[in-house]
Amino acid sequence: MRKEPVGAVLVVGGGVGGMRAAVDLAEAGLKVYLVENMPWLGGRVAQLGYMFPTHDCVLCRGTSDHGYGCTRPSIAPAFLDNNLHPNIEILTNTDLINLSGYAGDFTVTLRHRPTYVDPDRCINCGLCEGVCPVSVPSFFQVGMAARKAIYKMAPRALPDSYVVDKVPRCETCRRCETVCPTSAVDLDEQEIEYDLEVSAVILSLGYAISDATEYGELGYGRFPNVIHSMQYERLASRSGPTEGIVMRPSDGKIPKRIAWLQCVGSRDEKHPYCSSICCMYATKEAMLAKQRAEGAPEDVHCQIFMMDERAFNKEFNAYYQQAQKQYGVEYTRCRISIVGEDPETNDLILRYPNENGEFVEDRFDLVVLSLGALPPRGSRHLAELLGIELNPYGFCATDKFAPLETSKPGIYVCGTFSSPKEIAETILDAAGAAGDVMRLLSDEVGGGRAYGHEYPFLQTPEDLPPERDVGGEEPRVGVFVCRCYPS
């Protein structure tokens, strides 16, 4: 059995943390296999429009600092089809099903589930989507819009290709196969299993959100104008179902009074921990509502009902103060126990104690439930498979003095799989986990920095694509315009 590191790393999870770790490792000259169980990269972050406390577009700021520039609405040019980092191999729609070996010499078994569309042939013409007779709720739009059985997650998905949700959605009418001009659709594609040899593993599994239907007393699922935080994020996003205009689901009107109810799925008997992010993203959502008001910011009333305001990271408290003083966001220390509705107007009625301890009744056009973070789905099974320990809450167990190391040597963790955290902290985790892997594989790192700056692992000019004469060809001009609201 080989005892020397093989110089390859498996990164499990294609969210912003996994992508950051992959780029950093690839820049160090290591081969990276980036495994994602969804058909596209981006994870939960791909559904968000803006990050706090800067209001920058998430996917621009959430990548590595290697000079790749802004890529909105994609994520990082190192992952684009025409500029894919040569040291990164993307394995989407793929599951990790077995691992054996030890640090420096792991053998992993992967199962690739078919997407039924060849991404190399798909030209994104959309003809297949147009003839598909099946419509289902869109996961990406959190059920607020429909998609077809053959679909793309977003206009600029990574990889930028359609997939078929064959079981149980597709009726196998084969209309998409017939209409495809490049024969990219193959509904007979089979899943495959294969082994890879890697030196280390980084787990960046992301997180799940609490199930709002478990809190029926708050009206979700009963009252149309009670939505949860991820639905609000999609409504506020320019790529959302309403193109960034927040509307009431009941009548399509612009809400003038919005309430956020905090700690839904956190700090309760079932989930006795703080999700860390809810206070700040609710503040961000309230500020966005104020900034986008048709008139003055004070024309929209935003009230956040909370137990405590936990603004503990860099610039977070200043952001919290800005929300109150500049935008007039109101914070009320109270945990709402029940939400009522006026059946004639679909307005929502909240009853809570004011500063004097007297109960008051207030009406709101829209109520947003700030959902907490849960361990990622399937994490318990994966932990048993890999032989790593979980903490009592279901997140990955780590040592206080080694927060990126799991209980098994050679397997590292970053992001929200170890504990709930916001985007910037996830990115720092990812960079740290990549650094730990580089330290483990120190003999393999840095050997390819003799040639080039953008891709320092390329050692000779022969590694570059051959030049060709483009004389006489039609000019190809790319214009990239990024307008990150608000700017």
Protein backbone atom coordinates (compact mmCIF):
# COMPACT_ATOMS: atom_id res chain seq x y z
CA MET A 1 0.00 0.00 0.00
CA ARG A 2 1.29 3.44 -0.93
CA LYS A 3 2.47 5.55 2.01
CA GLU A 4 3.42 8.76 0.20
CA PRO A 5 0.76 11.44 -0.38
CA VAL A 6 -0.79 11.19 -3.84
CA GLY A 7 -1.19 14.98 -4.21
CA ALA A 8 -4.96 14.97 -4.77
CA VAL A 9 -7.73 16.28 -2.51
CA LEU A 10 -11.45 15.50 -2.41
CA VAL A 11 -13.65 18.48 -1.51
CA VAL A 12 -17.20 17.39 -0.66
CA GLY A 13 -19.71 20.19 -1.16
CA GLY A 14 -19.85 22.70 -3.99
CA GLY A 15 -21.04 25.73 -2.06
CA VAL A 16 -19.02 28.88 -1.52
CA GLY A 17 -16.85 27.19 1.12
CA GLY A 18 -16.05 24.17 -1.02
CA MET A 19 -15.33 26.34 -4.05
CA ARG A 20 -13.00 28.62 -2.09
CA ALA A 21 -11.10 25.63 -0.69
CA ALA A 22 -10.89 24.08 -4.16
CA VAL A 23 -9.42 27.22 -5.74
CA ASP A 24 -6.86 27.68 -2.96
CA LEU A 25 -5.73 24.05 -3.21
CA ALA A 26 -5.57 24.20 -7.00
CA GLU A 27 -3.51 27.37 -6.86
CA ALA A 28 -1.05 25.51 -4.63
CA GLY A 29 -0.57 22.92 -7.36
CA LEU A 30 -2.77 20.15 -5.97
CA LYS A 31 -5.33 18.19 -7.96
CA VAL A 32 -8.83 18.84 -6.61
CA TYR A 33 -11.96 16.75 -7.09
CA LEU A 34 -14.94 18.95 -6.18
CA VAL A 35 -17.94 16.72 -5.45
CA GLU A 36 -21.47 18.15 -5.28
CA ASN A 37 -24.62 16.05 -4.91
CA MET A 38 -26.74 18.66 -6.71
CA PRO A 39 -26.48 19.11 -10.50
CA TRP A 40 -24.94 22.59 -10.04
CA LEU A 41 -22.43 24.40 -7.86
CA GLY A 42 -23.24 27.31 -5.57
CA GLY A 43 -25.09 25.69 -2.70
CA ARG A 44 -27.28 27.79 -0.45
CA VAL A 45 -25.34 30.96 -1.29
CA ALA A 46 -26.48 30.76 -4.93
CA GLN A 47 -30.02 31.51 -3.73
CA LEU A 48 -29.00 34.71 -1.97
CA GLY A 49 -28.83 38.12 -3.60
CA TYR A 50 -26.73 40.19 -1.21
CA MET A 51 -24.50 39.66 1.79
CA PHE A 52 -24.34 41.58 5.02
CA PRO A 53 -22.95 43.95 6.15
CA THR A 54 -21.73 45.33 2.78
CA HIS A 55 -24.73 44.52 0.55
CA ASP A 56 -22.29 43.33 -2.10
CA CYS A 57 -23.58 40.64 -4.42
CA VAL A 58 -22.79 37.38 -2.65
CA LEU A 59 -21.16 35.42 -5.40
CA CYS A 60 -18.70 38.18 -6.32
CA ARG A 61 -17.32 38.61 -2.83
CA GLY A 62 -17.54 35.00 -1.75
CA THR A 63 -14.69 33.68 -3.85
CA SER A 64 -10.94 33.49 -3.45
CA ASP A 65 -8.70 36.56 -3.62
CA HIS A 66 -6.69 35.47 -6.66
CA GLY A 67 -7.65 38.33 -8.96
CA TYR A 68 -10.38 36.58 -10.92
CA GLY A 69 -12.75 39.54 -10.71
CA CYS A 70 -16.52 39.87 -10.60
CA THR A 71 -18.55 37.09 -12.15
CA ARG A 72 -22.12 37.90 -11.23
CA PRO A 73 -24.38 36.02 -11.76
CA SER A 74 -21.96 33.09 -11.84
CA ILE A 75 -19.57 32.39 -9.00
CA ALA A 76 -15.90 32.33 -9.99
CA PRO A 77 -14.21 32.39 -13.39
CA ALA A 78 -12.04 29.51 -12.18
CA PHE A 79 -15.18 27.37 -12.56
CA LEU A 80 -16.53 28.73 -15.86
CA ASP A 81 -16.61 26.27 -18.75
CA ASN A 82 -14.26 28.36 -20.89
CA ASN A 83 -11.85 29.10 -18.05
CA LEU A 84 -12.07 26.07 -15.79
CA HIS A 85 -9.09 25.85 -13.48
CA PRO A 86 -6.94 23.06 -14.94
CA ASN A 87 -6.34 21.57 -11.49
CA ILE A 88 -10.03 21.36 -10.58
CA GLU A 89 -12.32 18.56 -11.71
CA ILE A 90 -16.00 19.26 -11.05
CA LEU A 91 -18.12 16.20 -10.21
CA THR A 92 -21.74 17.35 -9.88
CA ASN A 93 -24.75 15.11 -9.23
CA THR A 94 -22.31 12.81 -7.47
CA ASP A 95 -22.42 11.12 -4.06
CA LEU A 96 -19.61 9.89 -1.84
CA ILE A 97 -20.55 6.31 -0.97
CA ASN A 98 -17.38 4.83 0.54
CA LEU A 99 -13.98 5.75 1.95
CA SER A 100 -11.08 3.58 3.04
CA GLY A 101 -7.43 4.14 3.89
CA TYR A 102 -5.72 6.74 6.02
CA ALA A 103 -4.42 10.30 5.88
CA GLY A 104 -2.25 10.66 2.79
CA ASP A 105 -3.70 7.59 1.10
CA PHE A 106 -7.49 7.45 0.92
CA THR A 107 -9.54 5.54 -1.64
CA VAL A 108 -13.00 7.00 -2.17
CA THR A 109 -15.88 5.52 -4.11
CA LEU A 110 -18.19 7.93 -5.91
CA ARG A 111 -21.56 7.38 -7.55
CA HIS A 112 -22.49 9.72 -10.41
CA ARG A 113 -26.23 9.96 -10.97
CA PRO A 114 -27.18 10.72 -14.59
CA THR A 115 -28.36 14.19 -15.57
CA TYR A 116 -29.51 12.85 -18.97
CA VAL A 117 -28.01 15.92 -20.69
CA ASP A 118 -24.44 16.11 -21.99
CA PRO A 119 -23.10 19.49 -20.77
CA ASP A 120 -20.51 19.54 -23.55
CA ARG A 121 -23.24 19.36 -26.19
CA CYS A 122 -25.91 21.47 -24.51
CA ILE A 123 -26.06 24.95 -26.08
CA ASN A 124 -28.76 26.36 -23.75
CA CYS A 125 -31.23 26.96 -26.56
CA GLY A 126 -34.12 26.12 -24.21
CA LEU A 127 -36.09 24.18 -26.84
CA CYS A 128 -36.29 21.16 -24.55
CA GLU A 129 -37.79 23.19 -21.73
CA GLY A 130 -40.36 24.65 -24.10
CA VAL A 131 -41.78 21.27 -25.13
CA CYS A 132 -41.71 19.62 -21.68
CA PRO A 133 -45.30 18.97 -20.50
CA VAL A 134 -44.41 18.62 -16.79
CA SER A 135 -44.39 21.59 -14.39
CA VAL A 136 -43.32 21.29 -10.75
CA PRO A 137 -42.41 23.80 -8.01
CA SER A 138 -38.89 25.17 -8.32
CA PHE A 139 -36.51 24.31 -5.47
CA PHE A 140 -34.29 27.25 -6.37
CA GLN A 141 -37.23 29.68 -6.15
CA VAL A 142 -38.40 27.99 -2.93
CA GLY A 143 -41.70 26.91 -4.43
CA MET A 144 -42.70 30.42 -5.55
CA ALA A 145 -42.30 29.64 -9.26
CA ALA A 146 -42.59 26.56 -11.44
CA ARG A 147 -40.00 24.72 -13.48
CA LYS A 148 -40.13 21.90 -16.01
CA ALA A 149 -38.86 18.34 -15.61
CA ILE A 150 -35.92 19.38 -17.79
CA TYR A 151 -34.57 22.61 -16.37
CA LYS A 152 -31.68 24.80 -15.19
CA MET A 153 -31.33 25.97 -11.62
CA ALA A 154 -30.60 29.57 -12.66
CA PRO A 155 -29.86 31.48 -15.88
CA ARG A 156 -26.09 31.15 -15.29
CA ALA A 157 -25.77 27.83 -13.55
CA LEU A 158 -22.44 26.05 -13.08
CA PRO A 159 -22.15 23.88 -15.11
CA ASP A 160 -24.21 25.91 -17.55
CA SER A 161 -26.40 23.07 -18.77
CA TYR A 162 -29.89 21.63 -18.47
CA VAL A 163 -30.66 18.47 -16.49
CA VAL A 164 -33.62 16.10 -16.40
CA ASP A 165 -35.36 15.39 -13.11
CA LYS A 166 -36.32 11.95 -14.34
CA VAL A 167 -37.56 10.26 -11.17
CA PRO A 168 -40.31 10.89 -10.26
CA ARG A 169 -40.95 14.00 -12.36
CA CYS A 170 -40.28 13.03 -15.97
CA GLU A 171 -43.01 11.26 -17.97
CA THR A 172 -40.41 9.95 -20.46
CA CYS A 173 -42.32 11.38 -23.40
CA ARG A 174 -38.90 11.97 -25.06
CA ARG A 175 -40.00 15.26 -26.61
CA CYS A 176 -36.83 16.86 -25.27
CA GLU A 177 -34.73 14.21 -27.00
CA THR A 178 -36.51 14.80 -30.28
CA VAL A 179 -36.28 18.59 -30.28
CA CYS A 180 -32.65 18.89 -29.13
CA PRO A 181 -30.60 20.19 -32.11
CA THR A 182 -27.29 18.82 -30.76
CA SER A 183 -28.50 15.42 -29.49
CA ALA A 184 -27.42 16.40 -25.98
CA VAL A 185 -30.36 14.67 -24.28
CA ASP A 186 -30.03 10.95 -23.55
CA LEU A 187 -32.78 9.58 -21.31
CA ASP A 188 -31.10 6.16 -21.28
CA GLU A 189 -27.96 7.39 -19.49
CA GLN A 190 -27.00 5.16 -16.55
CA GLU A 191 -25.38 5.93 -13.21
CA ILE A 192 -21.78 4.91 -12.74
CA GLU A 193 -19.52 4.16 -9.78
CA TYR A 194 -15.77 4.64 -9.70
CA ASP A 195 -12.85 4.96 -7.28
CA LEU A 196 -10.40 7.82 -6.77
CA GLU A 197 -7.20 7.98 -4.76
CA VAL A 198 -6.80 11.14 -2.70
CA SER A 199 -4.55 12.31 0.09
CA ALA A 200 -7.08 14.29 2.10
CA VAL A 201 -10.77 15.15 2.29
CA ILE A 202 -12.45 18.48 3.09
CA LEU A 203 -16.13 18.39 4.08
CA SER A 204 -18.06 21.55 3.20
CA LEU A 205 -21.60 20.21 3.31
CA GLY A 206 -23.46 23.44 4.04
CA TYR A 207 -26.64 23.45 6.09
CA ALA A 208 -30.37 22.82 5.96
CA ILE A 209 -33.00 25.32 7.06
CA SER A 210 -35.67 24.68 9.66
CA ASP A 211 -39.06 23.45 8.48
CA ALA A 212 -41.43 26.39 8.86
CA THR A 213 -44.47 24.08 8.79
CA GLU A 214 -43.45 22.72 12.21
CA TYR A 215 -44.42 26.09 13.68
CA GLY A 216 -48.07 26.18 12.68
CA GLU A 217 -48.94 28.70 15.39
CA LEU A 218 -46.96 31.28 13.40
CA GLY A 219 -49.24 30.88 10.40
CA TYR A 220 -46.89 29.46 7.78
CA GLY A 221 -48.86 27.31 5.36
CA ARG A 222 -52.16 28.69 6.71
CA PHE A 223 -51.87 32.39 5.94
CA PRO A 224 -50.58 33.36 2.47
CA ASN A 225 -48.72 36.43 3.69
CA VAL A 226 -46.55 34.52 6.15
CA ILE A 227 -43.35 33.55 4.36
CA HIS A 228 -39.95 32.38 5.54
CA SER A 229 -36.57 34.04 5.22
CA MET A 230 -35.32 32.11 2.19
CA GLN A 231 -38.50 32.99 0.31
CA TYR A 232 -37.92 36.64 1.14
CA GLU A 233 -34.35 36.34 -0.15
CA ARG A 234 -35.64 35.05 -3.48
CA LEU A 235 -38.25 37.81 -3.70
CA ALA A 236 -35.56 40.42 -3.03
CA SER A 237 -33.14 38.90 -5.55
CA ARG A 238 -32.93 40.27 -9.09
CA SER A 239 -33.00 36.65 -10.32
CA GLY A 240 -36.04 35.84 -8.21
CA PRO A 241 -39.61 35.17 -9.36
CA THR A 242 -40.53 38.86 -9.02
CA GLU A 243 -37.18 40.23 -10.27
CA GLY A 244 -36.33 41.84 -6.95
CA ILE A 245 -39.73 43.37 -6.15
CA VAL A 246 -41.08 42.12 -2.81
CA MET A 247 -44.82 41.51 -3.13
CA ARG A 248 -47.50 40.06 -0.90
CA PRO A 249 -48.33 36.53 -2.09
CA SER A 250 -52.06 37.07 -1.49
CA ASP A 251 -52.64 40.03 -3.80
CA GLY A 252 -49.30 41.09 -5.33
CA LYS A 253 -49.29 44.42 -3.49
CA ILE A 254 -46.11 46.03 -2.17
CA PRO A 255 -46.05 45.55 1.62
CA LYS A 256 -45.76 48.73 3.68
CA ARG A 257 -45.54 47.05 7.10
CA ILE A 258 -43.25 44.03 7.44
CA ALA A 259 -42.46 42.02 10.58
CA TRP A 260 -39.61 39.56 11.09
CA LEU A 261 -39.99 36.86 13.76
CA GLN A 262 -36.61 35.67 14.97
CA CYS A 263 -35.31 32.31 16.22
CA VAL A 264 -37.79 30.13 14.33
CA GLY A 265 -36.04 26.77 14.59
CA SER A 266 -33.34 28.05 16.95
CA ARG A 267 -33.00 28.47 20.71
CA ASP A 268 -35.99 26.25 21.43
CA GLU A 269 -36.37 22.85 23.09
CA LYS A 270 -35.79 20.97 19.85
CA HIS A 271 -32.86 23.11 18.65
CA PRO A 272 -31.21 24.59 21.78
CA TYR A 273 -28.51 26.55 19.97
CA CYS A 274 -28.18 29.92 18.25
CA SER A 275 -28.03 29.79 14.46
CA SER A 276 -25.70 32.80 14.46
CA ILE A 277 -26.90 34.32 11.18
CA CYS A 278 -30.60 35.07 11.69
CA CYS A 279 -30.30 38.46 13.41
CA MET A 280 -28.01 39.83 10.76
CA TYR A 281 -29.82 38.55 7.69
CA ALA A 282 -33.12 39.86 9.08
CA THR A 283 -31.43 43.25 9.54
CA LYS A 284 -30.14 43.06 5.96
CA GLU A 285 -33.59 42.17 4.61
CA ALA A 286 -35.18 45.05 6.52
CA MET A 287 -32.59 47.52 5.23
CA LEU A 288 -33.13 46.30 1.66
CA ALA A 289 -36.87 46.85 2.08
CA LYS A 290 -36.18 50.40 3.25
CA GLN A 291 -33.71 51.11 0.45
CA ARG A 292 -36.11 49.88 -2.21
CA ALA A 293 -39.12 51.76 -0.91
CA GLU A 294 -40.99 53.55 -3.70
CA GLY A 295 -41.01 56.75 -1.67
CA ALA A 296 -38.88 57.58 1.34
CA PRO A 297 -37.43 54.79 3.52
CA GLU A 298 -39.80 55.79 6.33
CA ASP A 299 -42.74 54.86 4.08
CA VAL A 300 -42.00 51.19 4.84
CA HIS A 301 -42.23 50.09 8.46
CA CYS A 302 -39.85 47.24 9.32
CA GLN A 303 -40.06 45.68 12.77
CA ILE A 304 -37.90 42.79 14.01
CA PHE A 305 -39.16 40.76 16.98
CA MET A 306 -36.20 39.14 18.73
CA MET A 307 -34.99 37.62 21.98
CA ASP A 308 -31.48 39.12 21.68
CA GLU A 309 -29.61 40.94 18.95
CA ARG A 310 -26.43 38.96 18.32
CA ALA A 311 -24.19 41.17 16.19
CA PHE A 312 -20.77 39.86 17.12
CA ASN A 313 -18.53 39.79 14.03
CA LYS A 314 -16.54 42.55 12.36
CA GLU A 315 -18.66 45.65 11.64
CA PHE A 316 -21.87 43.82 12.61
CA ASN A 317 -22.73 46.07 15.54
CA ALA A 318 -22.15 49.17 13.39
CA TYR A 319 -24.48 47.60 10.81
CA TYR A 320 -27.09 47.01 13.51
CA GLN A 321 -26.79 50.62 14.67
CA GLN A 322 -27.04 51.87 11.07
CA ALA A 323 -30.26 49.93 10.57
CA GLN A 324 -31.82 51.70 13.55
CA LYS A 325 -30.45 55.23 13.21
CA GLN A 326 -30.24 55.70 9.44
CA TYR A 327 -33.08 53.51 8.21
CA GLY A 328 -35.41 53.43 11.20
CA VAL A 329 -35.62 49.65 11.55
CA GLU A 330 -37.45 48.92 14.80
CA TYR A 331 -36.32 46.13 17.15
CA THR A 332 -38.70 44.70 19.75
CA ARG A 333 -37.52 42.26 22.43
CA CYS A 334 -40.33 39.74 22.32
CA ARG A 335 -40.88 36.21 21.08
CA ILE A 336 -44.19 36.14 19.24
CA SER A 337 -46.20 33.07 20.25
CA ILE A 338 -49.03 33.22 17.74
CA VAL A 339 -49.93 35.00 14.48
CA GLY A 340 -53.51 35.82 13.52
CA GLU A 341 -55.09 36.96 10.24
CA ASP A 342 -57.86 39.26 9.12
CA PRO A 343 -59.68 37.03 6.58
CA GLU A 344 -61.03 40.00 4.63
CA THR A 345 -57.71 41.76 3.96
CA ASN A 346 -55.24 38.92 4.64
CA ASP A 347 -53.42 41.33 6.95
CA LEU A 348 -51.57 39.65 9.79
CA ILE A 349 -52.21 40.44 13.44
CA LEU A 350 -49.50 40.26 16.09
CA ARG A 351 -50.07 40.71 19.82
CA TYR A 352 -47.05 41.55 21.95
CA PRO A 353 -46.00 43.53 25.05
CA ASN A 354 -44.70 47.05 24.49
CA GLU A 355 -41.92 48.79 26.45
CA ASN A 356 -44.33 49.46 29.33
CA GLY A 357 -45.34 45.82 29.60
CA GLU A 358 -48.78 46.46 28.13
CA PHE A 359 -50.07 44.15 25.42
CA VAL A 360 -50.72 45.82 22.09
CA GLU A 361 -52.16 44.50 18.85
CA ASP A 362 -50.55 45.45 15.55
CA ARG A 363 -51.25 44.77 11.88
CA PHE A 364 -48.68 43.87 9.25
CA ASP A 365 -48.88 43.33 5.50
CA LEU A 366 -46.19 40.64 5.53
CA VAL A 367 -44.59 38.44 8.20
CA VAL A 368 -41.19 36.82 7.61
CA LEU A 369 -40.07 33.85 9.71
CA SER A 370 -36.30 33.93 10.26
CA LEU A 371 -35.46 30.25 9.99
CA GLY A 372 -32.53 28.74 11.82
CA ALA A 373 -29.75 26.52 10.47
CA LEU A 374 -29.83 22.74 10.82
CA PRO A 375 -27.14 20.14 10.13
CA PRO A 376 -27.07 19.26 6.42
CA ARG A 377 -29.36 16.45 5.32
CA GLY A 378 -27.64 13.10 5.18
CA SER A 379 -24.80 14.24 7.44
CA ARG A 380 -25.40 11.52 10.02
CA HIS A 381 -25.18 8.79 7.39
CA LEU A 382 -22.06 10.38 5.91
CA ALA A 383 -20.46 10.63 9.36
CA GLU A 384 -21.00 6.92 9.92
CA LEU A 385 -19.60 6.20 6.47
CA LEU A 386 -16.45 8.25 7.06
CA GLY A 387 -16.01 7.31 10.70
CA ILE A 388 -16.15 10.87 12.05
CA GLU A 389 -17.95 12.08 15.17
CA LEU A 390 -20.84 14.53 15.41
CA ASN A 391 -21.65 16.82 18.31
CA PRO A 392 -24.94 16.56 20.26
CA TYR A 393 -26.64 18.96 17.83
CA GLY A 394 -25.73 16.92 14.74
CA PHE A 395 -22.92 19.13 13.45
CA CYS A 396 -19.38 17.86 12.91
CA ALA A 397 -17.46 17.49 16.17
CA THR A 398 -14.14 19.34 16.27
CA ASP A 399 -11.57 20.23 18.91
CA LYS A 400 -11.60 23.78 20.28
CA PHE A 401 -7.93 24.16 19.43
CA ALA A 402 -8.24 22.49 16.02
CA PRO A 403 -11.65 23.68 14.75
CA LEU A 404 -11.07 22.52 11.16
CA GLU A 405 -10.03 18.95 11.97
CA THR A 406 -12.53 16.12 12.32
CA SER A 407 -12.03 13.16 14.63
CA LYS A 408 -10.39 11.25 11.75
CA PRO A 409 -6.90 12.33 10.60
CA GLY A 410 -6.78 13.56 7.02
CA ILE A 411 -10.45 14.61 6.97
CA TYR A 412 -11.10 18.32 7.52
CA VAL A 413 -14.26 20.39 7.81
CA CYS A 414 -15.18 23.96 6.93
CA GLY A 415 -18.24 26.15 6.94
CA THR A 416 -21.60 25.43 8.49
CA PHE A 417 -21.11 21.68 8.78
CA SER A 418 -19.06 22.35 11.93
CA SER A 419 -21.43 25.01 13.32
CA PRO A 420 -23.82 27.66 11.98
CA LYS A 421 -21.90 30.65 10.64
CA GLU A 422 -22.16 33.42 8.07
CA ILE A 423 -20.54 33.64 4.65
CA ALA A 424 -17.33 35.48 5.54
CA GLU A 425 -16.58 33.06 8.36
CA THR A 426 -17.25 30.13 6.03
CA ILE A 427 -14.74 31.53 3.55
CA LEU A 428 -12.14 31.90 6.30
CA ASP A 429 -12.84 28.33 7.36
CA ALA A 430 -12.37 27.12 3.80
CA ALA A 431 -9.04 28.92 3.44
CA GLY A 432 -7.93 27.49 6.77
CA ALA A 433 -8.94 23.95 5.86
CA ALA A 434 -7.08 24.27 2.56
CA GLY A 435 -4.05 25.47 4.52
CA ASP A 436 -4.25 22.45 6.82
CA VAL A 437 -4.29 20.16 3.78
CA MET A 438 -1.28 21.97 2.30
CA ARG A 439 0.58 21.44 5.56
CA LEU A 440 -0.29 17.73 5.46
CA LEU A 441 0.89 17.48 1.86
CA SER A 442 3.78 19.92 2.14
CA ASP A 443 5.99 17.83 -0.14
CA GLU A 444 3.43 18.13 -2.95
CA VAL A 445 2.70 21.85 -2.63
CA GLY A 446 4.47 24.60 -4.53
CA GLY A 447 6.32 22.43 -7.00
CA GLY A 448 4.49 23.90 -9.95
CA ARG A 449 5.13 27.61 -9.46
CA ALA A 450 7.81 27.97 -12.08
CA TYR A 451 5.58 29.27 -14.87
CA GLY A 452 2.92 31.90 -15.08
CA HIS A 453 1.06 34.05 -12.57
CA GLU A 454 -2.61 33.38 -13.18
CA TYR A 455 -2.09 29.60 -13.13
CA PRO A 456 1.22 29.16 -11.26
CA PHE A 457 0.99 25.36 -11.28
CA LEU A 458 1.63 25.31 -15.05
CA GLN A 459 5.30 24.44 -15.42
CA THR A 460 5.98 24.82 -19.13
CA PRO A 461 4.48 26.74 -22.05
CA GLU A 462 3.52 23.37 -23.53
CA ASP A 463 0.87 23.05 -20.83
CA LEU A 464 -1.00 26.02 -22.30
CA PRO A 465 -3.62 25.59 -25.05
CA PRO A 466 -2.07 26.01 -28.53
CA GLU A 467 -2.44 29.38 -30.21
CA ARG A 468 -4.38 29.56 -33.45
CA ASP A 469 -4.80 32.07 -36.24
CA VAL A 470 -8.11 33.88 -35.80
CA GLY A 471 -7.68 36.05 -38.88
CA GLY A 472 -10.85 36.25 -40.94
CA GLU A 473 -13.07 34.94 -38.15
CA GLU A 474 -16.10 36.88 -36.96
CA PRO A 475 -15.06 39.11 -34.03
CA ARG A 476 -16.24 37.92 -30.62
CA VAL A 477 -16.71 40.71 -28.10
CA GLY A 478 -17.81 40.09 -24.53
CA VAL A 479 -19.40 42.89 -22.50
CA PHE A 480 -19.71 42.27 -18.76
CA VAL A 481 -21.89 44.72 -16.87
CA CYS A 482 -22.35 44.32 -13.12
CA ARG A 483 -24.77 46.54 -11.23
CA CYS A 484 -24.81 45.33 -7.66
CA TYR A 485 -27.84 46.91 -5.99
CA PRO A 486 -27.54 49.08 -4.01
CA SER A 487 -24.33 50.64 -5.22
